[in-house]
């Protein structure tokens, strides 16, 4: 019985350590988009009518490649970039800033 308890405690300890190691990596992946991918996201966002959340969500979904999942904060930040009409460069800078901030 004591051996079973030791095995359970050891297993839980290993799982906890693995979780602590892998979780920060997921956050770092948010900014893994290349410059071309960022331009693609901005080009898609520019085509969306002001405040069209469905269109903005489609753009973000297309940009979430290679298993990268953005946090809710990243998605909200990107949505805020496209609330009102802005120049292409402004939208690109805003979206890139959102992705960069999430890594820090």
PDB file of N, CA and C in Angstrom:
ATOM      1  N   UNK A   1       0.820  -1.193   0.000  1.00  0.00           N
ATOM      2  CA  UNK A   1       0.000   0.000   0.000  1.00  0.00           C
ATOM      3  C   UNK A   1       0.865   1.258   0.000  1.00  0.00           C
ATOM      4  N   UNK A   2       1.967   1.221   0.774  1.00  0.00           N
ATOM      5  CA  UNK A   2       2.868   2.371   0.834  1.00  0.00           C
ATOM      6  C   UNK A   2       3.543   2.586  -0.509  1.00  0.00           C
ATOM      7  N   UNK A   3       3.853   1.487  -1.221  1.00  0.00           N
ATOM      8  CA  UNK A   3       4.474   1.608  -2.541  1.00  0.00           C
ATOM      9  C   UNK A   3       3.525   2.266  -3.534  1.00  0.00           C
ATOM     10  N   UNK A   4       2.272   1.927  -3.468  1.00  0.00           N
ATOM     11  CA  UNK A   4       1.277   2.533  -4.349  1.00  0.00           C
ATOM     12  C   UNK A   4       1.176   4.037  -4.087  1.00  0.00           C
ATOM     13  N   UNK A   5       1.245   4.427  -2.840  1.00  0.00           N
ATOM     14  CA  UNK A   5       1.205   5.850  -2.471  1.00  0.00           C
ATOM     15  C   UNK A   5       2.436   6.578  -3.009  1.00  0.00           C
ATOM     16  N   UNK A   6       3.609   5.960  -2.903  1.00  0.00           N
ATOM     17  CA  UNK A   6       4.843   6.569  -3.411  1.00  0.00           C
ATOM     18  C   UNK A   6       4.779   6.741  -4.925  1.00  0.00           C
ATOM     19  N   UNK A   7       4.259   5.741  -5.608  1.00  0.00           N
ATOM     20  CA  UNK A   7       4.132   5.813  -7.067  1.00  0.00           C
ATOM     21  C   UNK A   7       3.184   6.938  -7.459  1.00  0.00           C
ATOM     22  N   UNK A   8       2.071   7.048  -6.759  1.00  0.00           N
ATOM     23  CA  UNK A   8       1.099   8.098  -7.069  1.00  0.00           C
ATOM     24  C   UNK A   8       1.690   9.481  -6.833  1.00  0.00           C
ATOM     25  N   UNK A   9       2.396   9.662  -5.730  1.00  0.00           N
ATOM     26  CA  UNK A   9       2.999  10.961  -5.422  1.00  0.00           C
ATOM     27  C   UNK A   9       4.075  11.301  -6.445  1.00  0.00           C
ATOM     28  N   UNK A  10       4.896  10.326  -6.805  1.00  0.00           N
ATOM     29  CA  UNK A  10       5.951  10.548  -7.799  1.00  0.00           C
ATOM     30  C   UNK A  10       5.352  10.913  -9.147  1.00  0.00           C
ATOM     31  N   UNK A  11       4.332  10.195  -9.559  1.00  0.00           N
ATOM     32  CA  UNK A  11       3.685  10.468 -10.845  1.00  0.00           C
ATOM     33  C   UNK A  11       3.086  11.867 -10.866  1.00  0.00           C
ATOM     34  N   UNK A  12       2.398  12.248  -9.815  1.00  0.00           N
ATOM     35  CA  UNK A  12       1.814  13.587  -9.755  1.00  0.00           C
ATOM     36  C   UNK A  12       2.890  14.663  -9.759  1.00  0.00           C
ATOM     37  N   UNK A  13       3.997  14.412  -9.083  1.00  0.00           N
ATOM     38  CA  UNK A  13       5.096  15.384  -9.066  1.00  0.00           C
ATOM     39  C   UNK A  13       5.674  15.578 -10.459  1.00  0.00           C
ATOM     40  N   UNK A  14       5.869  14.485 -11.171  1.00  0.00           N
ATOM     41  CA  UNK A  14       6.407  14.561 -12.535  1.00  0.00           C
ATOM     42  C   UNK A  14       5.439  15.302 -13.443  1.00  0.00           C
ATOM     43  N   UNK A  15       4.160  15.005 -13.349  1.00  0.00           N
ATOM     44  CA  UNK A  15       3.166  15.691 -14.177  1.00  0.00           C
ATOM     45  C   UNK A  15       3.125  17.179 -13.864  1.00  0.00           C
ATOM     46  N   UNK A  16       3.238  17.547 -12.599  1.00  0.00           N
ATOM     47  CA  UNK A  16       3.217  18.955 -12.218  1.00  0.00           C
ATOM     48  C   UNK A  16       4.426  19.676 -12.793  1.00  0.00           C
ATOM     49  N   UNK A  17       5.602  19.051 -12.714  1.00  0.00           N
ATOM     50  CA  UNK A  17       6.820  19.664 -13.259  1.00  0.00           C
ATOM     51  C   UNK A  17       6.717  19.798 -14.771  1.00  0.00           C
ATOM     52  N   UNK A  18       6.208  18.774 -15.447  1.00  0.00           N
ATOM     53  CA  UNK A  18       6.055  18.840 -16.907  1.00  0.00           C
ATOM     54  C   UNK A  18       5.093  19.953 -17.293  1.00  0.00           C
ATOM     55  N   UNK A  19       4.020  20.107 -16.542  1.00  0.00           N
ATOM     56  CA  UNK A  19       3.068  21.181 -16.821  1.00  0.00           C
ATOM     57  C   UNK A  19       3.690  22.547 -16.638  1.00  0.00           C
ATOM     58  N   UNK A  20       4.496  22.700 -15.622  1.00  0.00           N
ATOM     59  CA  UNK A  20       5.152  23.986 -15.367  1.00  0.00           C
ATOM     60  C   UNK A  20       6.153  24.322 -16.461  1.00  0.00           C
ATOM     61  N   UNK A  21       6.761  23.306 -17.053  1.00  0.00           N
ATOM     62  CA  UNK A  21       7.746  23.537 -18.112  1.00  0.00           C
ATOM     63  C   UNK A  21       7.066  23.854 -19.435  1.00  0.00           C
ATOM     64  N   UNK A  22       5.989  23.160 -19.763  1.00  0.00           N
ATOM     65  CA  UNK A  22       5.372  23.310 -21.081  1.00  0.00           C
ATOM     66  C   UNK A  22       4.416  24.488 -21.188  1.00  0.00           C
ATOM     67  N   UNK A  23       3.814  24.954 -20.127  1.00  0.00           N
ATOM     68  CA  UNK A  23       2.852  26.048 -20.226  1.00  0.00           C
ATOM     69  C   UNK A  23       3.459  27.347 -20.735  1.00  0.00           C
ATOM     70  N   UNK A  24       4.616  27.782 -20.261  1.00  0.00           N
ATOM     71  CA  UNK A  24       5.181  29.023 -20.798  1.00  0.00           C
ATOM     72  C   UNK A  24       5.497  28.938 -22.287  1.00  0.00           C
ATOM     73  N   UNK A  25       5.796  27.751 -22.797  1.00  0.00           N
ATOM     74  CA  UNK A  25       6.086  27.608 -24.218  1.00  0.00           C
ATOM     75  C   UNK A  25       4.864  27.929 -25.066  1.00  0.00           C
ATOM     76  N   UNK A  26       3.686  27.584 -24.597  1.00  0.00           N
ATOM     77  CA  UNK A  26       2.474  27.884 -25.355  1.00  0.00           C
ATOM     78  C   UNK A  26       2.287  29.386 -25.497  1.00  0.00           C
ATOM     79  N   UNK A  27       2.610  30.130 -24.474  1.00  0.00           N
ATOM     80  CA  UNK A  27       2.497  31.582 -24.546  1.00  0.00           C
ATOM     81  C   UNK A  27       3.485  32.145 -25.546  1.00  0.00           C
ATOM     82  N   UNK A  28       4.685  31.613 -25.565  1.00  0.00           N
ATOM     83  CA  UNK A  28       5.711  32.111 -26.481  1.00  0.00           C
ATOM     84  C   UNK A  28       5.343  31.843 -27.933  1.00  0.00           C
ATOM     85  N   UNK A  29       4.527  30.833 -28.195  1.00  0.00           N
ATOM     86  CA  UNK A  29       4.154  30.510 -29.563  1.00  0.00           C
ATOM     87  C   UNK A  29       3.229  31.549 -30.175  1.00  0.00           C
ATOM     88  N   UNK A  30       2.597  32.368 -29.366  1.00  0.00           N
ATOM     89  CA  UNK A  30       1.632  33.319 -29.905  1.00  0.00           C
ATOM     90  C   UNK A  30       2.253  34.280 -30.910  1.00  0.00           C
ATOM     91  N   UNK A  31       3.500  34.616 -30.729  1.00  0.00           N
ATOM     92  CA  UNK A  31       4.150  35.559 -31.640  1.00  0.00           C
ATOM     93  C   UNK A  31       4.974  34.842 -32.694  1.00  0.00           C
ATOM     94  N   UNK A  32       4.712  33.541 -32.887  1.00  0.00           N
ATOM     95  CA  UNK A  32       5.503  32.758 -33.825  1.00  0.00           C
ATOM     96  C   UNK A  32       5.149  33.058 -35.282  1.00  0.00           C
ATOM     97  N   UNK A  33       4.254  33.988 -35.536  1.00  0.00           N
ATOM     98  CA  UNK A  33       3.898  34.320 -36.911  1.00  0.00           C
ATOM     99  C   UNK A  33       5.048  35.038 -37.604  1.00  0.00           C
ATOM    100  N   UNK A  34       5.311  34.626 -38.827  1.00  0.00           N
ATOM    101  CA  UNK A  34       6.352  35.292 -39.607  1.00  0.00           C
ATOM    102  C   UNK A  34       5.854  36.666 -40.056  1.00  0.00           C
ATOM    103  N   UNK A  35       6.764  37.443 -40.598  1.00  0.00           N
ATOM    104  CA  UNK A  35       6.389  38.770 -41.109  1.00  0.00           C
ATOM    105  C   UNK A  35       5.327  38.632 -42.201  1.00  0.00           C
ATOM    106  N   UNK A  36       5.485  37.632 -43.070  1.00  0.00           N
ATOM    107  CA  UNK A  36       4.500  37.394 -44.127  1.00  0.00           C
ATOM    108  C   UNK A  36       3.136  37.021 -43.576  1.00  0.00           C
ATOM    109  N   UNK A  37       3.131  36.184 -42.523  1.00  0.00           N
ATOM    110  CA  UNK A  37       1.868  35.800 -41.885  1.00  0.00           C
ATOM    111  C   UNK A  37       1.189  37.008 -41.250  1.00  0.00           C
ATOM    112  N   UNK A  38       1.990  37.888 -40.674  1.00  0.00           N
ATOM    113  CA  UNK A  38       1.436  39.101 -40.063  1.00  0.00           C
ATOM    114  C   UNK A  38       0.833  40.016 -41.125  1.00  0.00           C
ATOM    115  N   UNK A  39       1.511  40.125 -42.266  1.00  0.00           N
ATOM    116  CA  UNK A  39       0.960  40.932 -43.362  1.00  0.00           C
ATOM    117  C   UNK A  39      -0.331  40.308 -43.886  1.00  0.00           C
ATOM    118  N   UNK A  40      -0.372  38.975 -43.940  1.00  0.00           N
ATOM    119  CA  UNK A  40      -1.592  38.290 -44.366  1.00  0.00           C
ATOM    120  C   UNK A  40      -2.750  38.566 -43.430  1.00  0.00           C
ATOM    121  N   UNK A  41      -2.479  38.546 -42.128  1.00  0.00           N
ATOM    122  CA  UNK A  41      -3.513  38.864 -41.141  1.00  0.00           C
ATOM    123  C   UNK A  41      -3.998  40.294 -41.326  1.00  0.00           C
ATOM    124  N   UNK A  42      -3.058  41.224 -41.489  1.00  0.00           N
ATOM    125  CA  UNK A  42      -3.432  42.633 -41.673  1.00  0.00           C
ATOM    126  C   UNK A  42      -4.223  42.825 -42.960  1.00  0.00           C
ATOM    127  N   UNK A  43      -3.809  42.154 -44.050  1.00  0.00           N
ATOM    128  CA  UNK A  43      -4.526  42.276 -45.326  1.00  0.00           C
ATOM    129  C   UNK A  43      -5.956  41.768 -45.191  1.00  0.00           C
ATOM    130  N   UNK A  44      -6.125  40.704 -44.442  1.00  0.00           N
ATOM    131  CA  UNK A  44      -7.471  40.172 -44.218  1.00  0.00           C
ATOM    132  C   UNK A  44      -8.291  41.139 -43.359  1.00  0.00           C
ATOM    133  N   UNK A  45      -7.683  41.674 -42.301  1.00  0.00           N
ATOM    134  CA  UNK A  45      -8.400  42.602 -41.415  1.00  0.00           C
ATOM    135  C   UNK A  45      -8.831  43.867 -42.146  1.00  0.00           C
ATOM    136  N   UNK A  46      -8.003  44.338 -43.081  1.00  0.00           N
ATOM    137  CA  UNK A  46      -8.327  45.555 -43.838  1.00  0.00           C
ATOM    138  C   UNK A  46      -9.602  45.352 -44.655  1.00  0.00           C
ATOM    139  N   UNK A  47      -9.830  44.136 -45.129  1.00  0.00           N
ATOM    140  CA  UNK A  47     -11.008  43.840 -45.955  1.00  0.00           C
ATOM    141  C   UNK A  47     -12.296  43.770 -45.136  1.00  0.00           C
ATOM    142  N   UNK A  48     -12.182  43.616 -43.823  1.00  0.00           N
ATOM    143  CA  UNK A  48     -13.370  43.499 -42.972  1.00  0.00           C
ATOM    144  C   UNK A  48     -14.043  44.859 -42.796  1.00  0.00           C
ATOM    145  N   UNK A  49     -15.369  44.898 -42.895  1.00  0.00           N
ATOM    146  CA  UNK A  49     -16.078  46.148 -42.589  1.00  0.00           C
ATOM    147  C   UNK A  49     -15.867  46.517 -41.117  1.00  0.00           C
ATOM    148  N   UNK A  50     -15.965  47.798 -40.822  1.00  0.00           N
ATOM    149  CA  UNK A  50     -15.767  48.277 -39.451  1.00  0.00           C
ATOM    150  C   UNK A  50     -16.666  47.518 -38.479  1.00  0.00           C
ATOM    151  N   UNK A  51     -16.064  46.962 -37.434  1.00  0.00           N
ATOM    152  CA  UNK A  51     -16.819  46.300 -36.381  1.00  0.00           C
ATOM    153  C   UNK A  51     -17.404  44.947 -36.731  1.00  0.00           C
ATOM    154  N   UNK A  52     -17.064  44.361 -37.883  1.00  0.00           N
ATOM    155  CA  UNK A  52     -17.599  43.052 -38.284  1.00  0.00           C
ATOM    156  C   UNK A  52     -16.815  41.953 -37.565  1.00  0.00           C
ATOM    157  N   UNK A  53     -17.321  41.525 -36.408  1.00  0.00           N
ATOM    158  CA  UNK A  53     -16.608  40.556 -35.578  1.00  0.00           C
ATOM    159  C   UNK A  53     -16.451  39.205 -36.265  1.00  0.00           C
ATOM    160  N   UNK A  54     -17.444  38.787 -37.041  1.00  0.00           N
ATOM    161  CA  UNK A  54     -17.360  37.494 -37.720  1.00  0.00           C
ATOM    162  C   UNK A  54     -16.205  37.488 -38.719  1.00  0.00           C
ATOM    163  N   UNK A  55     -16.070  38.570 -39.460  1.00  0.00           N
ATOM    164  CA  UNK A  55     -14.984  38.684 -40.435  1.00  0.00           C
ATOM    165  C   UNK A  55     -13.630  38.693 -39.723  1.00  0.00           C
ATOM    166  N   UNK A  56     -13.538  39.443 -38.644  1.00  0.00           N
ATOM    167  CA  UNK A  56     -12.289  39.518 -37.877  1.00  0.00           C
ATOM    168  C   UNK A  56     -11.935  38.145 -37.315  1.00  0.00           C
ATOM    169  N   UNK A  57     -12.930  37.416 -36.810  1.00  0.00           N
ATOM    170  CA  UNK A  57     -12.685  36.070 -36.282  1.00  0.00           C
ATOM    171  C   UNK A  57     -12.187  35.129 -37.372  1.00  0.00           C
ATOM    172  N   UNK A  58     -12.744  35.252 -38.588  1.00  0.00           N
ATOM    173  CA  UNK A  58     -12.271  34.416 -39.706  1.00  0.00           C
ATOM    174  C   UNK A  58     -10.811  34.719 -40.020  1.00  0.00           C
ATOM    175  N   UNK A  59     -10.450  35.990 -40.015  1.00  0.00           N
ATOM    176  CA  UNK A  59      -9.054  36.378 -40.275  1.00  0.00           C
ATOM    177  C   UNK A  59      -8.122  35.780 -39.229  1.00  0.00           C
ATOM    178  N   UNK A  60      -8.530  35.858 -37.970  1.00  0.00           N
ATOM    179  CA  UNK A  60      -7.687  35.310 -36.908  1.00  0.00           C
ATOM    180  C   UNK A  60      -7.579  33.796 -37.030  1.00  0.00           C
ATOM    181  N   UNK A  61      -8.686  33.135 -37.360  1.00  0.00           N
ATOM    182  CA  UNK A  61      -8.660  31.680 -37.500  1.00  0.00           C
ATOM    183  C   UNK A  61      -7.728  31.250 -38.620  1.00  0.00           C
ATOM    184  N   UNK A  62      -7.746  31.983 -39.730  1.00  0.00           N
ATOM    185  CA  UNK A  62      -6.850  31.662 -40.844  1.00  0.00           C
ATOM    186  C   UNK A  62      -5.389  31.856 -40.454  1.00  0.00           C
ATOM    187  N   UNK A  63      -5.131  32.778 -39.549  1.00  0.00           N
ATOM    188  CA  UNK A  63      -3.755  33.091 -39.153  1.00  0.00           C
ATOM    189  C   UNK A  63      -3.227  32.171 -38.056  1.00  0.00           C
ATOM    190  N   UNK A  64      -4.108  31.447 -37.393  1.00  0.00           N
ATOM    191  CA  UNK A  64      -3.672  30.543 -36.328  1.00  0.00           C
ATOM    192  C   UNK A  64      -3.234  29.226 -36.950  1.00  0.00           C
ATOM    193  N   UNK A  65      -1.977  29.191 -37.358  1.00  0.00           N
ATOM    194  CA  UNK A  65      -1.442  28.026 -38.058  1.00  0.00           C
ATOM    195  C   UNK A  65      -0.476  27.261 -37.171  1.00  0.00           C
ATOM    196  N   UNK A  66      -0.164  26.070 -37.596  1.00  0.00           N
ATOM    197  CA  UNK A  66       0.835  25.226 -36.927  1.00  0.00           C
ATOM    198  C   UNK A  66       0.486  24.977 -35.467  1.00  0.00           C
ATOM    199  N   UNK A  67      -0.776  24.845 -35.166  1.00  0.00           N
ATOM    200  CA  UNK A  67      -1.185  24.528 -33.805  1.00  0.00           C
ATOM    201  C   UNK A  67      -1.080  25.664 -32.811  1.00  0.00           C
ATOM    202  N   UNK A  68      -0.808  26.870 -33.293  1.00  0.00           N
ATOM    203  CA  UNK A  68      -0.691  28.019 -32.395  1.00  0.00           C
ATOM    204  C   UNK A  68      -2.091  28.468 -31.992  1.00  0.00           C
ATOM    205  N   UNK A  69      -2.327  28.580 -30.708  1.00  0.00           N
ATOM    206  CA  UNK A  69      -3.619  29.036 -30.200  1.00  0.00           C
ATOM    207  C   UNK A  69      -3.390  30.333 -29.438  1.00  0.00           C
ATOM    208  N   UNK A  70      -4.084  31.379 -29.832  1.00  0.00           N
ATOM    209  CA  UNK A  70      -3.930  32.674 -29.183  1.00  0.00           C
ATOM    210  C   UNK A  70      -4.815  32.748 -27.955  1.00  0.00           C
ATOM    211  N   UNK A  71      -4.363  33.481 -26.978  1.00  0.00           N
ATOM    212  CA  UNK A  71      -5.154  33.689 -25.767  1.00  0.00           C
ATOM    213  C   UNK A  71      -6.332  34.615 -26.081  1.00  0.00           C
ATOM    214  N   UNK A  72      -7.288  34.644 -25.178  1.00  0.00           N
ATOM    215  CA  UNK A  72      -8.433  35.548 -25.338  1.00  0.00           C
ATOM    216  C   UNK A  72      -7.975  37.001 -25.371  1.00  0.00           C
ATOM    217  N   UNK A  73      -6.938  37.315 -24.591  1.00  0.00           N
ATOM    218  CA  UNK A  73      -6.426  38.691 -24.565  1.00  0.00           C
ATOM    219  C   UNK A  73      -5.837  39.083 -25.920  1.00  0.00           C
ATOM    220  N   UNK A  74      -5.136  38.154 -26.562  1.00  0.00           N
ATOM    221  CA  UNK A  74      -4.569  38.434 -27.885  1.00  0.00           C
ATOM    222  C   UNK A  74      -5.682  38.666 -28.890  1.00  0.00           C
ATOM    223  N   UNK A  75      -6.696  37.816 -28.869  1.00  0.00           N
ATOM    224  CA  UNK A  75      -7.811  37.944 -29.811  1.00  0.00           C
ATOM    225  C   UNK A  75      -8.566  39.260 -29.583  1.00  0.00           C
ATOM    226  N   UNK A  76      -8.777  39.638 -28.327  1.00  0.00           N
ATOM    227  CA  UNK A  76      -9.468  40.898 -28.022  1.00  0.00           C
ATOM    228  C   UNK A  76      -8.644  42.087 -28.499  1.00  0.00           C
ATOM    229  N   UNK A  77      -7.338  42.004 -28.327  1.00  0.00           N
ATOM    230  CA  UNK A  77      -6.458  43.086 -28.768  1.00  0.00           C
ATOM    231  C   UNK A  77      -6.539  43.251 -30.290  1.00  0.00           C
ATOM    232  N   UNK A  78      -6.510  42.136 -31.013  1.00  0.00           N
ATOM    233  CA  UNK A  78      -6.580  42.196 -32.481  1.00  0.00           C
ATOM    234  C   UNK A  78      -7.941  42.727 -32.926  1.00  0.00           C
ATOM    235  N   UNK A  79      -9.015  42.310 -32.253  1.00  0.00           N
ATOM    236  CA  UNK A  79     -10.347  42.839 -32.598  1.00  0.00           C
ATOM    237  C   UNK A  79     -10.385  44.353 -32.427  1.00  0.00           C
ATOM    238  N   UNK A  80      -9.735  44.850 -31.389  1.00  0.00           N
ATOM    239  CA  UNK A  80      -9.727  46.294 -31.130  1.00  0.00           C
ATOM    240  C   UNK A  80      -8.981  47.056 -32.222  1.00  0.00           C
ATOM    241  N   UNK A  81      -8.082  46.388 -32.925  1.00  0.00           N
ATOM    242  CA  UNK A  81      -7.343  47.039 -34.020  1.00  0.00           C
ATOM    243  C   UNK A  81      -8.266  47.379 -35.188  1.00  0.00           C
ATOM    244  N   UNK A  82      -9.396  46.709 -35.272  1.00  0.00           N
ATOM    245  CA  UNK A  82     -10.254  46.855 -36.447  1.00  0.00           C
ATOM    246  C   UNK A  82     -11.635  47.399 -36.114  1.00  0.00           C
ATOM    247  N   UNK A  83     -11.751  48.158 -35.048  1.00  0.00           N
ATOM    248  CA  UNK A  83     -13.044  48.733 -34.674  1.00  0.00           C
ATOM    249  C   UNK A  83     -13.418  49.877 -35.601  1.00  0.00           C
ATOM    250  N   UNK A  84     -12.446  50.693 -35.977  1.00  0.00           N
ATOM    251  CA  UNK A  84     -12.746  51.825 -36.850  1.00  0.00           C
ATOM    252  C   UNK A  84     -11.821  51.805 -38.059  1.00  0.00           C
ATOM    253  N   UNK A  85     -12.181  52.577 -39.063  1.00  0.00           N
ATOM    254  CA  UNK A  85     -11.402  52.634 -40.292  1.00  0.00           C
ATOM    255  C   UNK A  85     -10.010  53.185 -39.997  1.00  0.00           C
ATOM    256  N   UNK A  86      -8.990  52.493 -40.468  1.00  0.00           N
ATOM    257  CA  UNK A  86      -7.609  52.933 -40.255  1.00  0.00           C
ATOM    258  C   UNK A  86      -6.780  52.541 -41.474  1.00  0.00           C
ATOM    259  N   UNK A  87      -5.641  53.186 -41.632  1.00  0.00           N
ATOM    260  CA  UNK A  87      -4.745  52.869 -42.739  1.00  0.00           C
ATOM    261  C   UNK A  87      -4.175  51.464 -42.558  1.00  0.00           C
ATOM    262  N   UNK A  88      -3.813  50.843 -43.675  1.00  0.00           N
ATOM    263  CA  UNK A  88      -3.281  49.482 -43.641  1.00  0.00           C
ATOM    264  C   UNK A  88      -2.092  49.353 -42.689  1.00  0.00           C
ATOM    265  N   UNK A  89      -1.196  50.342 -42.720  1.00  0.00           N
ATOM    266  CA  UNK A  89      -0.001  50.286 -41.881  1.00  0.00           C
ATOM    267  C   UNK A  89      -0.360  50.347 -40.402  1.00  0.00           C
ATOM    268  N   UNK A  90      -1.395  51.100 -40.082  1.00  0.00           N
ATOM    269  CA  UNK A  90      -1.831  51.222 -38.691  1.00  0.00           C
ATOM    270  C   UNK A  90      -2.398  49.892 -38.206  1.00  0.00           C
ATOM    271  N   UNK A  91      -3.200  49.247 -39.041  1.00  0.00           N
ATOM    272  CA  UNK A  91      -3.781  47.952 -38.678  1.00  0.00           C
ATOM    273  C   UNK A  91      -2.676  46.916 -38.508  1.00  0.00           C
ATOM    274  N   UNK A  92      -1.706  46.905 -39.442  1.00  0.00           N
ATOM    275  CA  UNK A  92      -0.591  45.963 -39.342  1.00  0.00           C
ATOM    276  C   UNK A  92       0.201  46.193 -38.053  1.00  0.00           C
ATOM    277  N   UNK A  93       0.503  47.450 -37.765  1.00  0.00           N
ATOM    278  CA  UNK A  93       1.258  47.769 -36.553  1.00  0.00           C
ATOM    279  C   UNK A  93       0.514  47.386 -35.290  1.00  0.00           C
ATOM    280  N   UNK A  94      -0.780  47.619 -35.296  1.00  0.00           N
ATOM    281  CA  UNK A  94      -1.601  47.289 -34.132  1.00  0.00           C
ATOM    282  C   UNK A  94      -1.635  45.774 -33.908  1.00  0.00           C
ATOM    283  N   UNK A  95      -1.909  45.000 -34.970  1.00  0.00           N
ATOM    284  CA  UNK A  95      -1.979  43.539 -34.851  1.00  0.00           C
ATOM    285  C   UNK A  95      -0.626  42.962 -34.444  1.00  0.00           C
ATOM    286  N   UNK A  96       0.450  43.479 -35.026  1.00  0.00           N
ATOM    287  CA  UNK A  96       1.793  43.007 -34.661  1.00  0.00           C
ATOM    288  C   UNK A  96       2.096  43.322 -33.205  1.00  0.00           C
ATOM    289  N   UNK A  97       1.685  44.506 -32.771  1.00  0.00           N
ATOM    290  CA  UNK A  97       1.887  44.886 -31.377  1.00  0.00           C
ATOM    291  C   UNK A  97       1.145  43.958 -30.425  1.00  0.00           C
ATOM    292  N   UNK A  98      -0.062  43.558 -30.813  1.00  0.00           N
ATOM    293  CA  UNK A  98      -0.835  42.627 -29.981  1.00  0.00           C
ATOM    294  C   UNK A  98      -0.090  41.308 -29.825  1.00  0.00           C
ATOM    295  N   UNK A  99       0.423  40.794 -30.936  1.00  0.00           N
ATOM    296  CA  UNK A  99       1.138  39.521 -30.892  1.00  0.00           C
ATOM    297  C   UNK A  99       2.434  39.639 -30.096  1.00  0.00           C
ATOM    298  N   UNK A 100       3.130  40.752 -30.257  1.00  0.00           N
ATOM    299  CA  UNK A 100       4.396  40.950 -29.541  1.00  0.00           C
ATOM    300  C   UNK A 100       4.188  41.094 -28.037  1.00  0.00           C
ATOM    301  N   UNK A 101       3.149  41.814 -27.629  1.00  0.00           N
ATOM    302  CA  UNK A 101       2.897  42.040 -26.201  1.00  0.00           C
ATOM    303  C   UNK A 101       2.587  40.748 -25.462  1.00  0.00           C
ATOM    304  N   UNK A 102       1.962  39.804 -26.143  1.00  0.00           N
ATOM    305  CA  UNK A 102       1.549  38.584 -25.476  1.00  0.00           C
ATOM    306  C   UNK A 102       2.731  37.700 -25.093  1.00  0.00           C
ATOM    307  N   UNK A 103       3.871  37.898 -25.708  1.00  0.00           N
ATOM    308  CA  UNK A 103       5.046  37.081 -25.409  1.00  0.00           C
ATOM    309  C   UNK A 103       5.775  37.606 -24.187  1.00  0.00           C
ATOM    310  N   UNK A 104       5.712  38.890 -23.969  1.00  0.00           N
ATOM    311  CA  UNK A 104       6.461  39.495 -22.860  1.00  0.00           C
ATOM    312  C   UNK A 104       5.929  39.105 -21.522  1.00  0.00           C
TER     313      UNK A 104
END
